Amino acid sequence: MSSHKERLNRITESIIGAAIEVHRALGPGLLESAYEACLAFELVERGLKAEQQKPLPVVYREVNSSPDSLRSLRAQR
């Protein structure tokens, strides 16, 4: 396995683990914003960078999305 692929796998495992931990702690039924804030906190605790509600331009068949399209959360190491 390449080192890039291994790195991506480690990051992915960390993100999934954080999401599971947050969901187990909070349980089901809350608004997305509650999970998002807790997940962002947990990702930072795990050594990842987390950005919330950043603009995300989307292009679909040569049509640009509105400037208010947002990605909920972005994580990276």
C-alpha atoms as a PDB file:
ATOM      1  CA  MET A   1       0.000   0.000   0.000  1.00  0.00           C
ATOM      2  CA  SER A   2       1.342   3.424  -0.862  1.00  0.00           C
ATOM      3  CA  SER A   3       2.109   5.896   1.897  1.00  0.00           C
ATOM      4  CA  HIS A   4      -0.483   8.314   0.454  1.00  0.00           C
ATOM      5  CA  LYS A   5      -3.153   5.622   0.589  1.00  0.00           C
ATOM      6  CA  GLU A   6      -2.126   4.660   4.127  1.00  0.00           C
ATOM      7  CA  ARG A   7      -2.352   8.308   5.191  1.00  0.00           C
ATOM      8  CA  LEU A   8      -5.826   8.628   3.683  1.00  0.00           C
ATOM      9  CA  ASN A   9      -6.911   5.433   5.420  1.00  0.00           C
ATOM     10  CA  ARG A  10      -5.679   6.733   8.800  1.00  0.00           C
ATOM     11  CA  ILE A  11      -7.493  10.030   8.326  1.00  0.00           C
ATOM     12  CA  THR A  12     -10.663   8.246   7.215  1.00  0.00           C
ATOM     13  CA  GLU A  13     -10.550   5.902  10.214  1.00  0.00           C
ATOM     14  CA  SER A  14     -10.091   8.878  12.529  1.00  0.00           C
ATOM     15  CA  ILE A  15     -13.046  10.751  11.011  1.00  0.00           C
ATOM     16  CA  ILE A  16     -15.354   7.732  11.126  1.00  0.00           C
ATOM     17  CA  GLY A  17     -14.273   6.948  14.686  1.00  0.00           C
ATOM     18  CA  ALA A  18     -14.969  10.530  15.750  1.00  0.00           C
ATOM     19  CA  ALA A  19     -18.408  10.473  14.125  1.00  0.00           C
ATOM     20  CA  ILE A  20     -19.295   7.202  15.854  1.00  0.00           C
ATOM     21  CA  GLU A  21     -18.091   8.535  19.207  1.00  0.00           C
ATOM     22  CA  VAL A  22     -20.158  11.722  18.869  1.00  0.00           C
ATOM     23  CA  HIS A  23     -23.260   9.794  17.813  1.00  0.00           C
ATOM     24  CA  ARG A  24     -22.906   7.340  20.697  1.00  0.00           C
ATOM     25  CA  ALA A  25     -22.517  10.194  23.184  1.00  0.00           C
ATOM     26  CA  LEU A  26     -25.402  12.320  21.866  1.00  0.00           C
ATOM     27  CA  GLY A  27     -27.733   9.644  20.542  1.00  0.00           C
ATOM     28  CA  PRO A  28     -30.077  10.001  17.584  1.00  0.00           C
ATOM     29  CA  GLY A  29     -32.627  12.701  16.878  1.00  0.00           C
ATOM     30  CA  LEU A  30     -30.747  15.986  17.228  1.00  0.00           C
ATOM     31  CA  LEU A  31     -30.378  18.654  14.593  1.00  0.00           C
ATOM     32  CA  GLU A  32     -27.426  18.360  12.230  1.00  0.00           C
ATOM     33  CA  SER A  33     -25.889  21.512  13.720  1.00  0.00           C
ATOM     34  CA  ALA A  34     -25.498  19.852  17.133  1.00  0.00           C
ATOM     35  CA  TYR A  35     -23.654  16.882  15.664  1.00  0.00           C
ATOM     36  CA  GLU A  36     -21.571  19.168  13.438  1.00  0.00           C
ATOM     37  CA  ALA A  37     -20.280  21.293  16.325  1.00  0.00           C
ATOM     38  CA  CYS A  38     -19.413  18.240  18.429  1.00  0.00           C
ATOM     39  CA  LEU A  39     -17.799  16.440  15.501  1.00  0.00           C
ATOM     40  CA  ALA A  40     -15.661  19.486  14.701  1.00  0.00           C
ATOM     41  CA  PHE A  41     -14.493  19.541  18.331  1.00  0.00           C
ATOM     42  CA  GLU A  42     -13.748  15.803  18.293  1.00  0.00           C
ATOM     43  CA  LEU A  43     -11.807  16.039  15.020  1.00  0.00           C
ATOM     44  CA  VAL A  44      -9.571  18.768  16.447  1.00  0.00           C
ATOM     45  CA  GLU A  45      -9.059  16.652  19.582  1.00  0.00           C
ATOM     46  CA  ARG A  46      -7.830  13.872  17.276  1.00  0.00           C
ATOM     47  CA  GLY A  47      -5.290  16.152  15.613  1.00  0.00           C
ATOM     48  CA  LEU A  48      -7.240  17.025  12.482  1.00  0.00           C
ATOM     49  CA  LYS A  49      -8.071  20.481  11.179  1.00  0.00           C
ATOM     50  CA  ALA A  50     -11.808  21.118  11.011  1.00  0.00           C
ATOM     51  CA  GLU A  51     -13.594  23.943   9.208  1.00  0.00           C
ATOM     52  CA  GLN A  52     -17.325  24.497   9.517  1.00  0.00           C
ATOM     53  CA  GLN A  53     -19.760  26.181   7.114  1.00  0.00           C
ATOM     54  CA  LYS A  54     -17.272  27.257   4.453  1.00  0.00           C
ATOM     55  CA  PRO A  55     -18.395  28.284   0.954  1.00  0.00           C
ATOM     56  CA  LEU A  56     -18.290  25.432  -1.527  1.00  0.00           C
ATOM     57  CA  PRO A  57     -18.730  26.322  -5.183  1.00  0.00           C
ATOM     58  CA  VAL A  58     -20.522  23.541  -7.027  1.00  0.00           C
ATOM     59  CA  VAL A  59     -20.619  23.164 -10.797  1.00  0.00           C
ATOM     60  CA  TYR A  60     -23.173  20.858 -12.368  1.00  0.00           C
ATOM     61  CA  ARG A  61     -23.318  20.600 -16.152  1.00  0.00           C
ATOM     62  CA  GLU A  62     -21.689  23.989 -16.612  1.00  0.00           C
ATOM     63  CA  VAL A  63     -24.089  25.635 -14.127  1.00  0.00           C
ATOM     64  CA  ASN A  64     -22.509  27.250 -11.087  1.00  0.00           C
ATOM     65  CA  SER A  65     -24.278  26.986  -7.762  1.00  0.00           C
ATOM     66  CA  SER A  66     -25.273  30.008  -5.762  1.00  0.00           C
ATOM     67  CA  PRO A  67     -22.503  31.587  -3.705  1.00  0.00           C
ATOM     68  CA  ASP A  68     -24.312  30.609  -0.502  1.00  0.00           C
ATOM     69  CA  SER A  69     -23.798  26.883  -1.041  1.00  0.00           C
ATOM     70  CA  LEU A  70     -21.933  25.681   2.016  1.00  0.00           C
ATOM     71  CA  ARG A  71     -20.121  22.542   2.944  1.00  0.00           C
ATOM     72  CA  SER A  72     -21.017  21.589   6.488  1.00  0.00           C
ATOM     73  CA  LEU A  73     -17.639  20.352   7.596  1.00  0.00           C
ATOM     74  CA  ARG A  74     -14.171  19.826   6.158  1.00  0.00           C
ATOM     75  CA  ALA A  75     -11.507  17.801   7.911  1.00  0.00           C
ATOM     76  CA  GLN A  76      -7.857  17.337   7.040  1.00  0.00           C
ATOM     77  CA  ARG A  77      -4.590  16.535   8.738  1.00  0.00           C
END
